[in-house]
Amino acid sequence: DKFLHLKIIGLLMMTLFLSTEFSKAQLLSKRCRLRGGFCFSRRCPPRMTRIGRCTPDTHFCCQR
């Protein structure tokens, strides 16, 4: 029974962490759109400039 409680607590902590990261990514994406940008994975396409981030790690906000 103790292990079941630990698994449940671990699952709750993971859910909390993921929801926090998702909320942060949503906020960054919204800021990007408000600045007239678009989100792209890893790098901006040719003729576009990076003006920020859409996620904390891999998605960037790009603008012409």
N, C-alpha and C. Protein backbone atom coordinates (compact mmCIF):
# COMPACT_ATOMS: atom_id res chain seq x y z
N ASP A 1 0.81 -1.21 0.00
CA ASP A 1 0.00 0.00 0.00
C ASP A 1 0.85 1.27 0.00
N LYS A 2 2.00 1.22 0.67
CA LYS A 2 2.87 2.40 0.68
C LYS A 2 3.37 2.72 -0.72
N PHE A 3 3.68 1.68 -1.47
CA PHE A 3 4.17 1.91 -2.83
C PHE A 3 3.10 2.50 -3.72
N LEU A 4 1.85 2.11 -3.49
CA LEU A 4 0.75 2.66 -4.27
C LEU A 4 0.62 4.16 -3.99
N HIS A 5 0.74 4.54 -2.73
CA HIS A 5 0.67 5.96 -2.37
C HIS A 5 1.81 6.74 -3.02
N LEU A 6 3.01 6.16 -3.03
CA LEU A 6 4.15 6.83 -3.66
C LEU A 6 3.94 6.99 -5.16
N LYS A 7 3.37 5.98 -5.78
CA LYS A 7 3.09 6.06 -7.22
C LYS A 7 2.06 7.15 -7.51
N ILE A 8 1.03 7.23 -6.68
CA ILE A 8 -0.01 8.24 -6.87
C ILE A 8 0.57 9.64 -6.68
N ILE A 9 1.39 9.82 -5.65
CA ILE A 9 2.01 11.12 -5.40
C ILE A 9 2.92 11.49 -6.57
N GLY A 10 3.69 10.53 -7.06
CA GLY A 10 4.56 10.78 -8.20
C GLY A 10 3.77 11.18 -9.43
N LEU A 11 2.66 10.52 -9.66
CA LEU A 11 1.80 10.84 -10.80
C LEU A 11 1.21 12.25 -10.67
N LEU A 12 0.80 12.61 -9.47
CA LEU A 12 0.26 13.95 -9.23
C LEU A 12 1.33 15.02 -9.44
N MET A 13 2.53 14.76 -8.98
CA MET A 13 3.62 15.72 -9.16
C MET A 13 3.96 15.90 -10.64
N MET A 14 3.98 14.80 -11.38
CA MET A 14 4.25 14.86 -12.82
C MET A 14 3.17 15.66 -13.54
N THR A 15 1.92 15.43 -13.16
CA THR A 15 0.80 16.16 -13.77
C THR A 15 0.92 17.65 -13.49
N LEU A 16 1.25 18.00 -12.27
CA LEU A 16 1.42 19.41 -11.90
C LEU A 16 2.56 20.05 -12.70
N PHE A 17 3.68 19.35 -12.80
CA PHE A 17 4.82 19.86 -13.56
C PHE A 17 4.47 20.07 -15.02
N LEU A 18 3.83 19.09 -15.64
CA LEU A 18 3.48 19.19 -17.06
C LEU A 18 2.47 20.30 -17.31
N SER A 19 1.51 20.47 -16.41
CA SER A 19 0.52 21.53 -16.61
C SER A 19 1.17 22.90 -16.48
N THR A 20 2.15 23.03 -15.61
CA THR A 20 2.88 24.30 -15.46
C THR A 20 3.67 24.61 -16.72
N GLU A 21 4.35 23.61 -17.26
CA GLU A 21 5.12 23.82 -18.49
C GLU A 21 4.20 24.16 -19.66
N PHE A 22 3.05 23.50 -19.74
CA PHE A 22 2.10 23.77 -20.81
C PHE A 22 1.59 25.21 -20.71
N SER A 23 1.29 25.65 -19.50
CA SER A 23 0.80 27.02 -19.31
C SER A 23 1.85 28.04 -19.73
N LYS A 24 3.11 27.77 -19.40
CA LYS A 24 4.20 28.67 -19.77
C LYS A 24 4.33 28.74 -21.30
N ALA A 25 4.24 27.59 -21.96
CA ALA A 25 4.34 27.56 -23.43
C ALA A 25 3.17 28.30 -24.07
N GLN A 26 1.98 28.16 -23.51
CA GLN A 26 0.81 28.86 -24.05
C GLN A 26 1.01 30.37 -23.94
N LEU A 27 1.53 30.83 -22.83
CA LEU A 27 1.76 32.26 -22.62
C LEU A 27 2.79 32.80 -23.62
N LEU A 28 3.89 32.05 -23.80
CA LEU A 28 4.92 32.49 -24.74
C LEU A 28 4.39 32.52 -26.17
N SER A 29 3.57 31.53 -26.55
CA SER A 29 3.00 31.49 -27.90
C SER A 29 2.06 32.68 -28.12
N LYS A 30 1.29 33.01 -27.10
CA LYS A 30 0.36 34.14 -27.21
C LYS A 30 1.13 35.44 -27.38
N ARG A 31 2.20 35.60 -26.61
CA ARG A 31 3.04 36.80 -26.74
C ARG A 31 3.62 36.90 -28.15
N CYS A 32 4.02 35.77 -28.69
CA CYS A 32 4.58 35.75 -30.05
C CYS A 32 3.55 36.25 -31.05
N ARG A 33 2.35 35.74 -30.98
CA ARG A 33 1.30 36.15 -31.92
C ARG A 33 0.96 37.63 -31.76
N LEU A 34 0.96 38.11 -30.51
CA LEU A 34 0.67 39.53 -30.27
C LEU A 34 1.74 40.44 -30.88
N ARG A 35 2.95 39.93 -30.98
CA ARG A 35 4.04 40.70 -31.59
C ARG A 35 4.08 40.52 -33.11
N GLY A 36 3.13 39.79 -33.66
CA GLY A 36 3.07 39.58 -35.10
C GLY A 36 3.96 38.46 -35.60
N GLY A 37 4.32 37.55 -34.70
CA GLY A 37 5.21 36.45 -35.07
C GLY A 37 4.49 35.12 -35.21
N PHE A 38 5.27 34.12 -35.62
CA PHE A 38 4.77 32.76 -35.77
C PHE A 38 5.76 31.82 -35.09
N CYS A 39 5.26 30.72 -34.54
CA CYS A 39 6.11 29.76 -33.85
C CYS A 39 6.62 28.69 -34.81
N PHE A 40 7.93 28.42 -34.72
CA PHE A 40 8.56 27.38 -35.53
C PHE A 40 9.47 26.54 -34.65
N SER A 41 9.60 25.28 -35.02
CA SER A 41 10.43 24.36 -34.27
C SER A 41 11.89 24.50 -34.67
N ARG A 42 12.76 24.58 -33.71
CA ARG A 42 14.22 24.57 -33.83
C ARG A 42 14.85 25.83 -34.45
N ARG A 43 14.33 26.34 -35.56
CA ARG A 43 14.91 27.56 -36.16
C ARG A 43 13.88 28.25 -37.05
N CYS A 44 14.17 29.49 -37.35
CA CYS A 44 13.27 30.27 -38.21
C CYS A 44 13.54 29.93 -39.67
N PRO A 45 12.49 29.95 -40.49
CA PRO A 45 12.67 29.73 -41.93
C PRO A 45 13.49 30.87 -42.55
N PRO A 46 13.99 30.65 -43.78
CA PRO A 46 14.74 31.71 -44.47
C PRO A 46 13.91 33.00 -44.57
N ARG A 47 14.58 34.11 -44.52
CA ARG A 47 13.98 35.45 -44.60
C ARG A 47 13.09 35.79 -43.40
N MET A 48 13.22 35.05 -42.32
CA MET A 48 12.50 35.39 -41.09
C MET A 48 13.52 35.54 -39.97
N THR A 49 13.21 36.41 -39.03
CA THR A 49 14.11 36.71 -37.92
C THR A 49 13.50 36.22 -36.62
N ARG A 50 14.33 35.66 -35.77
CA ARG A 50 13.86 35.22 -34.46
C ARG A 50 13.66 36.43 -33.56
N ILE A 51 12.46 36.54 -32.98
CA ILE A 51 12.16 37.67 -32.10
C ILE A 51 11.82 37.23 -30.68
N GLY A 52 11.87 35.92 -30.43
CA GLY A 52 11.57 35.42 -29.09
C GLY A 52 11.42 33.92 -29.09
N ARG A 53 10.79 33.42 -28.03
CA ARG A 53 10.58 31.98 -27.88
C ARG A 53 9.09 31.67 -27.74
N CYS A 54 8.72 30.48 -28.20
CA CYS A 54 7.33 30.01 -28.04
C CYS A 54 7.24 28.91 -26.99
N THR A 55 8.36 28.24 -26.73
CA THR A 55 8.46 27.28 -25.64
C THR A 55 9.81 27.53 -24.97
N PRO A 56 9.98 27.09 -23.75
CA PRO A 56 11.25 27.35 -23.07
C PRO A 56 12.46 26.70 -23.74
N ASP A 57 12.25 25.70 -24.61
CA ASP A 57 13.41 25.00 -25.14
C ASP A 57 13.57 25.01 -26.66
N THR A 58 12.61 24.54 -27.44
CA THR A 58 12.89 24.28 -28.86
C THR A 58 12.10 25.10 -29.88
N HIS A 59 11.06 25.78 -29.51
CA HIS A 59 10.25 26.51 -30.48
C HIS A 59 10.52 28.01 -30.38
N PHE A 60 10.74 28.63 -31.55
CA PHE A 60 11.08 30.04 -31.58
C PHE A 60 10.01 30.86 -32.26
N CYS A 61 9.91 32.11 -31.84
CA CYS A 61 8.98 33.07 -32.45
C CYS A 61 9.74 33.79 -33.55
N CYS A 62 9.19 33.73 -34.76
CA CYS A 62 9.86 34.32 -35.92
C CYS A 62 8.94 35.32 -36.60
N GLN A 63 9.58 36.32 -37.22
CA GLN A 63 8.83 37.39 -37.88
C GLN A 63 9.55 37.79 -39.16
N ARG A 64 8.77 38.22 -40.15
CA ARG A 64 9.37 38.68 -41.42
C ARG A 64 9.91 40.07 -41.27
